[in-house]
Amino acid sequence: QFALVSADRAIKDARLSLEDIDPVRIGTSFGTAAGSLGEAVQTEVKRYLARGDRGISPLAWVELTPCACSTHVSIHYGLRGPITTHSSGCVSGIDTLTWSTQQIRKGLADVMVVGGTDAPFFPFMWAMMCRSGILAPAPQDGKRIPRPFSYDHNGIVLVEGGSSVILESEEHARLRKARIYGEVLGVANTEEARSITNLDETGQAFCYTMQRALDDAGLPPTEIDWVIAHGTGLPIADVSESRGIEAAMGQHAFNIPVSSIRGALGQSFASGGGYQLAAACRAIQTQSVPPTLNFSRPAEGCRLDYVPNVARFSRVRRVLINAAGVGGTHGGLVISAYAN
């Protein structure tokens, strides 16, 4: 449902007339971390335990697979181009954008409907997240959570939702006189290859991912005006990312804003990448940088300009987006203002 609604809004916002485009040239790519796990655990498994295979819906196997988000969007709109579903935790949203960009670069599609969706609010997932120890406890100090990069950061806040964007080749967008919010210049994804719960505190994986995204864009660090941090409020992740930004950007890291929109939105798993991309495009449009909300003072190891609590007018031409997930997966994206 989140995938379908967000895709519909993106298509309408892009003023995309699907009937005027060869459906083979329109692809679909969505990401999800949890898929339909909640529906499966709470509904179909209970029915199976009560009545055996006769209690299960005959459509369960197609409705409850992670790829249902992509296939439902493609079926609903009749999109017959390249299609995939990514499930790489919190990086899923950026990975879908990376893969979709590559399809357009290779000439395999003119348009890609891209997004991420997760609905983790069900008892089993909630229990798993509580057991993991990464959720921020309910605040007793009257302050809000999460608190990215702040000295009192203490975990993530789980939310659910969907995000979608429309990617097009430059030629296709110009021919139909599309309203262009921004241009994808560089993409990257990497893996730490460490123990699944052992995040690299040095930030080398963040650094390597950002460097690869910049290399793909053909840009030096000094061309970046804002870094949209992953910034969830999980202490070890905040410190690792801050160190990675310093390593990748050098002295320039101290000259530009580095903020996280998750202080406002929380951690939404696969849809987070789409939210970050939307924030980047909006910042380019308004020449203002969203703040890191719920920020008091920098945590130890966090030495950058996190734009505390209040948005800031600033020159924004090119933006670097960070994403990271459980198991050491990382993604990066470079977005630029589009010059007609």
Protein backbone atom coordinates (compact mmCIF):
# COMPACT_ATOMS: atom_id res chain seq x y z
CA GLN A 1 0.00 0.00 0.00
CA PHE A 2 2.79 2.43 0.85
CA ALA A 3 4.54 1.55 -2.42
CA LEU A 4 1.42 2.06 -4.53
CA VAL A 5 0.39 5.34 -2.89
CA SER A 6 3.87 6.87 -3.03
CA ALA A 7 4.34 5.73 -6.65
CA ASP A 8 1.01 7.30 -7.61
CA ARG A 9 1.98 10.60 -6.01
CA ALA A 10 5.39 10.60 -7.70
CA ILE A 11 3.91 9.89 -11.13
CA LYS A 12 1.39 12.69 -10.69
CA ASP A 13 3.99 15.13 -9.39
CA ALA A 14 6.19 14.33 -12.41
CA ARG A 15 3.19 14.90 -14.71
CA LEU A 16 4.12 11.65 -16.39
CA SER A 17 1.63 10.45 -19.03
CA LEU A 18 2.32 6.73 -18.98
CA GLU A 19 0.07 6.05 -21.95
CA ASP A 20 2.39 8.16 -24.12
CA ILE A 21 5.48 6.07 -23.27
CA ASP A 22 6.39 2.59 -24.49
CA PRO A 23 5.83 0.47 -21.33
CA VAL A 24 8.92 -1.61 -22.16
CA ARG A 25 10.98 1.56 -21.61
CA ILE A 26 9.60 2.17 -18.11
CA GLY A 27 11.15 0.16 -15.28
CA THR A 28 10.32 -0.41 -11.63
CA SER A 29 12.58 -0.80 -8.62
CA PHE A 30 11.54 -0.80 -4.99
CA GLY A 31 13.34 -1.72 -1.81
CA THR A 32 12.10 -3.16 1.45
CA ALA A 33 13.82 -4.37 4.59
CA ALA A 34 10.96 -6.23 6.26
CA GLY A 35 8.73 -6.94 3.26
CA SER A 36 5.37 -8.37 4.27
CA LEU A 37 6.81 -10.13 7.28
CA GLY A 38 4.13 -8.73 9.59
CA GLU A 39 1.26 -9.93 7.44
CA ALA A 40 2.87 -13.36 7.10
CA VAL A 41 3.59 -13.84 10.80
CA GLN A 42 0.36 -12.43 12.14
CA THR A 43 -2.08 -13.82 9.59
CA GLU A 44 -0.94 -16.66 7.37
CA VAL A 45 1.28 -18.49 9.86
CA LYS A 46 -1.52 -18.48 12.42
CA ARG A 47 -3.93 -19.80 9.82
CA TYR A 48 -1.47 -22.51 8.86
CA LEU A 49 -0.95 -23.59 12.46
CA ALA A 50 -4.72 -23.70 12.99
CA ARG A 51 -5.85 -25.36 9.74
CA GLY A 52 -2.78 -26.53 7.86
CA ASP A 53 -2.27 -25.68 4.20
CA ARG A 54 -6.01 -25.29 3.62
CA GLY A 55 -6.04 -22.31 5.95
CA ILE A 56 -3.56 -20.35 3.85
CA SER A 57 -4.63 -17.97 1.11
CA PRO A 58 -3.72 -19.35 -2.33
CA LEU A 59 -2.25 -15.92 -3.09
CA ALA A 60 -0.06 -15.82 0.04
CA TRP A 61 3.14 -16.76 -1.76
CA VAL A 62 2.83 -13.87 -4.24
CA GLU A 63 1.41 -11.34 -1.79
CA LEU A 64 3.90 -11.86 1.03
CA THR A 65 7.23 -12.02 -0.80
CA PRO A 66 9.48 -8.93 -0.61
CA CYS A 67 9.15 -8.40 -4.38
CA ALA A 68 5.40 -7.77 -4.02
CA CYS A 69 6.07 -4.03 -3.65
CA SER A 70 7.76 -3.81 -7.05
CA THR A 71 5.45 -6.21 -8.86
CA HIS A 72 2.26 -4.57 -7.60
CA VAL A 73 3.45 -1.16 -8.83
CA SER A 74 4.44 -2.54 -12.23
CA ILE A 75 1.19 -4.49 -12.60
CA HIS A 76 -0.98 -1.55 -11.53
CA TYR A 77 0.59 0.79 -14.10
CA GLY A 78 1.43 -1.78 -16.79
CA LEU A 79 5.18 -1.11 -16.61
CA ARG A 80 7.11 -3.75 -18.55
CA GLY A 81 10.69 -2.52 -18.38
CA PRO A 82 13.55 -3.59 -16.07
CA ILE A 83 12.36 -4.57 -12.60
CA THR A 84 13.99 -5.58 -9.36
CA THR A 85 13.49 -5.51 -5.60
CA HIS A 86 16.32 -4.69 -3.23
CA SER A 87 16.44 -5.80 0.37
CA SER A 88 19.58 -4.45 1.98
CA GLY A 89 18.20 -3.08 5.22
CA CYS A 90 18.28 0.67 5.64
CA VAL A 91 20.32 1.02 2.44
CA SER A 92 17.56 -0.50 0.29
CA GLY A 93 16.20 2.88 -0.79
CA ILE A 94 19.60 4.12 -2.01
CA ASP A 95 20.36 0.77 -3.67
CA THR A 96 17.17 1.00 -5.73
CA LEU A 97 18.22 4.46 -6.90
CA THR A 98 21.71 3.18 -7.74
CA TRP A 99 20.40 0.22 -9.75
CA SER A 100 17.82 2.33 -11.54
CA THR A 101 20.41 4.95 -12.46
CA GLN A 102 22.54 2.19 -13.98
CA GLN A 103 19.60 0.94 -16.08
CA ILE A 104 19.14 4.39 -17.56
CA ARG A 105 22.88 4.86 -18.10
CA LYS A 106 23.01 1.55 -19.99
CA GLY A 107 20.10 2.60 -22.21
CA LEU A 108 17.84 -0.17 -20.92
CA ALA A 109 15.12 2.25 -19.77
CA ASP A 110 14.07 5.85 -20.31
CA VAL A 111 12.06 6.14 -17.09
CA MET A 112 12.30 4.31 -13.75
CA VAL A 113 9.69 4.40 -10.98
CA VAL A 114 11.86 4.00 -7.89
CA GLY A 115 11.05 3.77 -4.21
CA GLY A 116 11.24 2.10 -0.85
CA THR A 117 8.61 0.89 1.58
CA ASP A 118 8.38 -0.68 5.01
CA ALA A 119 5.62 -1.21 7.57
CA PRO A 120 7.41 -2.60 10.65
CA PHE A 121 4.72 -1.81 13.22
CA PHE A 122 3.69 -5.30 14.24
CA PRO A 123 4.46 -7.19 17.47
CA PHE A 124 7.09 -9.60 16.17
CA MET A 125 9.18 -6.90 14.49
CA TRP A 126 8.78 -4.61 17.48
CA ALA A 127 9.99 -7.40 19.76
CA MET A 128 13.01 -8.05 17.52
CA MET A 129 13.95 -4.38 17.48
CA CYS A 130 13.57 -4.11 21.25
CA ARG A 131 15.68 -7.22 21.71
CA SER A 132 18.39 -5.79 19.46
CA GLY A 133 18.95 -2.89 21.87
CA ILE A 134 19.15 -0.23 19.17
CA LEU A 135 15.83 1.52 19.89
CA ALA A 136 15.96 4.77 21.86
CA PRO A 137 14.16 4.38 25.18
CA ALA A 138 11.11 6.53 25.87
CA PRO A 139 12.56 9.86 27.05
CA GLN A 140 12.28 10.63 30.74
CA ASP A 141 13.92 14.05 30.43
CA GLY A 142 11.11 15.75 28.49
CA LYS A 143 13.22 15.94 25.33
CA ARG A 144 12.45 14.47 21.93
CA ILE A 145 14.03 11.49 20.19
CA PRO A 146 15.98 10.52 18.12
CA ARG A 147 19.00 12.76 18.73
CA PRO A 148 21.47 12.33 15.86
CA PHE A 149 25.06 13.35 16.64
CA SER A 150 24.05 14.88 20.01
CA TYR A 151 25.90 14.01 23.20
CA ASP A 152 22.70 12.41 24.55
CA HIS A 153 21.97 10.26 21.49
CA ASN A 154 20.72 6.87 22.63
CA GLY A 155 19.23 4.95 19.71
CA ILE A 156 16.88 5.02 16.75
CA VAL A 157 13.16 5.72 16.51
CA LEU A 158 11.28 3.29 14.30
CA VAL A 159 8.71 4.62 11.84
CA GLU A 160 7.01 3.29 8.72
CA GLY A 161 6.16 4.71 5.33
CA GLY A 162 6.89 4.76 1.62
CA SER A 163 8.78 7.03 -0.76
CA SER A 164 8.94 7.12 -4.55
CA VAL A 165 10.72 9.22 -7.15
CA ILE A 166 10.79 9.30 -10.94
CA LEU A 167 14.19 8.94 -12.61
CA GLU A 168 14.51 9.74 -16.31
CA SER A 169 17.21 10.02 -18.90
CA GLU A 170 18.08 13.64 -19.59
CA GLU A 171 16.94 13.31 -23.20
CA HIS A 172 13.54 11.90 -22.25
CA ALA A 173 12.95 14.53 -19.58
CA ARG A 174 13.88 17.40 -21.91
CA LEU A 175 11.73 16.09 -24.76
CA ARG A 176 8.62 16.06 -22.61
CA LYS A 177 9.58 19.37 -20.94
CA ALA A 178 9.64 17.78 -17.49
CA ARG A 179 10.08 19.76 -14.31
CA ILE A 180 13.55 18.62 -13.26
CA TYR A 181 14.36 18.79 -9.56
CA GLY A 182 17.94 17.58 -9.78
CA GLU A 183 20.45 15.39 -11.57
CA VAL A 184 22.04 12.16 -10.34
CA LEU A 185 25.79 12.50 -10.87
CA GLY A 186 27.30 9.65 -8.86
CA VAL A 187 26.31 6.41 -7.16
CA ALA A 188 28.11 3.86 -4.98
CA ASN A 189 27.50 0.93 -2.68
CA THR A 190 29.95 -1.05 -0.55
CA GLU A 191 30.08 -3.63 2.23
CA GLU A 192 32.21 -3.72 5.38
CA ALA A 193 32.38 -7.56 5.43
CA ARG A 194 32.62 -7.63 9.21
CA SER A 195 30.58 -9.29 11.92
CA ILE A 196 26.92 -8.37 11.35
CA THR A 197 26.70 -6.46 14.66
CA ASN A 198 30.24 -5.04 14.67
CA LEU A 199 30.19 -1.60 13.04
CA ASP A 200 33.54 -0.15 12.02
CA GLU A 201 34.08 2.76 14.41
CA THR A 202 36.87 4.24 12.29
CA GLY A 203 34.39 5.22 9.59
CA GLN A 204 36.50 3.73 6.79
CA ALA A 205 33.47 2.13 5.10
CA PHE A 206 31.61 5.47 5.10
CA CYS A 207 34.75 7.11 3.73
CA TYR A 208 35.23 4.55 0.96
CA THR A 209 31.58 4.77 -0.11
CA MET A 210 31.62 8.55 -0.31
CA GLN A 211 34.88 8.51 -2.25
CA ARG A 212 33.43 6.04 -4.76
CA ALA A 213 30.30 8.18 -5.20
CA LEU A 214 32.45 11.27 -5.76
CA ASP A 215 34.67 9.39 -8.22
CA ASP A 216 31.60 8.21 -10.13
CA ALA A 217 30.41 11.82 -10.28
CA GLY A 218 33.85 13.05 -11.34
CA LEU A 219 33.92 15.59 -8.51
CA PRO A 220 36.39 16.52 -5.78
CA PRO A 221 35.05 16.84 -2.21
CA THR A 222 35.23 20.64 -2.44
CA GLU A 223 32.34 20.61 -4.94
CA ILE A 224 29.90 19.30 -2.31
CA ASP A 225 27.75 21.90 -0.51
CA TRP A 226 25.86 19.66 1.93
CA VAL A 227 26.16 16.12 3.24
CA ILE A 228 22.84 14.45 4.09
CA ALA A 229 24.00 12.13 6.82
CA HIS A 230 22.46 8.77 7.61
CA GLY A 231 22.42 10.05 11.22
CA THR A 232 19.98 7.81 13.08
CA GLY A 233 20.91 8.68 16.66
CA LEU A 234 22.60 5.31 17.31
CA PRO A 235 25.81 6.38 19.11
CA ILE A 236 28.34 4.08 17.42
CA ALA A 237 26.88 4.80 13.98
CA ASP A 238 26.87 8.59 14.48
CA VAL A 239 30.53 8.57 15.49
CA SER A 240 31.54 6.21 12.67
CA GLU A 241 29.77 8.34 10.08
CA SER A 242 31.28 11.58 11.39
CA ARG A 243 34.78 10.10 11.21
CA GLY A 244 34.07 8.75 7.73
CA ILE A 245 32.93 12.16 6.50
CA GLU A 246 36.11 13.75 7.87
CA ALA A 247 38.27 11.12 6.18
CA ALA A 248 36.48 11.37 2.82
CA MET A 249 36.06 15.14 2.65
CA GLY A 250 39.25 16.27 4.38
CA GLN A 251 39.31 19.85 5.60
CA HIS A 252 36.23 20.61 3.49
CA ALA A 253 34.19 18.52 5.95
CA PHE A 254 34.51 21.39 8.42
CA ASN A 255 33.39 24.01 5.88
CA ILE A 256 29.98 22.61 4.91
CA PRO A 257 26.78 21.63 6.75
CA VAL A 258 26.27 17.97 7.65
CA SER A 259 22.75 17.27 8.88
CA SER A 260 20.33 14.39 9.34
CA ILE A 261 16.62 14.55 8.53
CA ARG A 262 16.03 11.52 10.78
CA GLY A 263 15.78 13.79 13.79
CA ALA A 264 12.47 14.83 12.22
CA LEU A 265 11.40 11.61 10.50
CA GLY A 266 12.94 8.74 12.45
CA GLN A 267 14.30 5.57 10.87
CA SER A 268 12.00 4.25 8.19
CA PHE A 269 14.21 1.50 6.79
CA ALA A 270 13.91 1.25 2.99
CA SER A 271 11.92 4.44 2.43
CA GLY A 272 14.63 6.57 4.04
CA GLY A 273 16.72 6.89 0.87
CA GLY A 274 13.80 8.40 -1.02
CA TYR A 275 13.19 10.88 1.78
CA GLN A 276 16.85 11.89 1.67
CA LEU A 277 16.73 12.37 -2.09
CA ALA A 278 13.56 14.47 -1.78
CA ALA A 279 15.27 16.58 0.89
CA ALA A 280 18.27 17.08 -1.38
CA CYS A 281 16.10 18.25 -4.26
CA ARG A 282 14.11 20.53 -1.99
CA ALA A 283 17.29 22.05 -0.54
CA ILE A 284 18.55 22.79 -4.05
CA GLN A 285 15.21 24.37 -4.90
CA THR A 286 15.01 26.57 -1.78
CA GLN A 287 18.73 27.08 -1.15
CA SER A 288 18.27 26.06 2.46
CA VAL A 289 19.56 23.14 4.53
CA PRO A 290 17.23 21.19 6.84
CA PRO A 291 18.39 20.99 10.44
CA THR A 292 19.33 18.10 12.68
CA LEU A 293 16.50 18.23 15.22
CA ASN A 294 16.75 17.33 18.92
CA PHE A 295 20.42 18.36 19.00
CA SER A 296 21.97 19.69 22.22
CA ARG A 297 25.75 19.62 21.80
CA PRO A 298 28.08 17.38 19.79
CA ALA A 299 28.78 13.88 21.02
CA GLU A 300 32.38 12.87 21.58
CA GLY A 301 33.86 12.02 18.18
CA CYS A 302 31.31 14.19 16.33
CA ARG A 303 33.12 17.37 15.29
CA LEU A 304 31.20 18.69 12.28
CA ASP A 305 28.56 21.37 11.65
CA TYR A 306 25.28 19.48 12.19
CA VAL A 307 22.94 22.48 11.60
CA PRO A 308 21.32 22.20 15.03
CA ASN A 309 17.53 22.54 15.27
CA VAL A 310 16.95 25.43 12.82
CA ALA A 311 17.07 25.33 9.01
CA ARG A 312 19.78 27.45 7.43
CA PHE A 313 19.85 29.40 4.17
CA SER A 314 22.93 28.31 2.30
CA ARG A 315 24.20 27.81 -1.24
CA VAL A 316 23.24 24.28 -2.27
CA ARG A 317 24.30 23.08 -5.72
CA ARG A 318 25.56 19.56 -5.08
CA VAL A 319 24.61 17.18 -2.28
CA LEU A 320 26.17 13.94 -1.06
CA ILE A 321 23.76 11.42 0.49
CA ASN A 322 24.89 8.74 2.96
CA ALA A 323 23.09 5.52 3.86
CA ALA A 324 24.12 2.59 6.07
CA GLY A 325 22.49 -0.57 7.33
CA VAL A 326 22.79 -3.64 9.50
CA GLY A 327 25.51 -6.02 8.38
CA GLY A 328 27.78 -3.19 7.24
CA THR A 329 26.06 -2.25 3.97
CA HIS A 330 26.66 1.29 2.72
CA GLY A 331 25.30 3.42 -0.08
CA GLY A 332 26.07 6.86 -1.45
CA LEU A 333 24.52 9.23 -3.97
CA VAL A 334 25.61 12.59 -5.41
CA ILE A 335 22.79 14.93 -6.53
CA SER A 336 23.28 18.18 -8.40
CA ALA A 337 21.20 21.14 -9.44
CA TYR A 338 20.27 20.74 -13.09
CA ALA A 339 21.57 23.31 -15.55
CA ASN A 340 19.27 23.68 -18.55
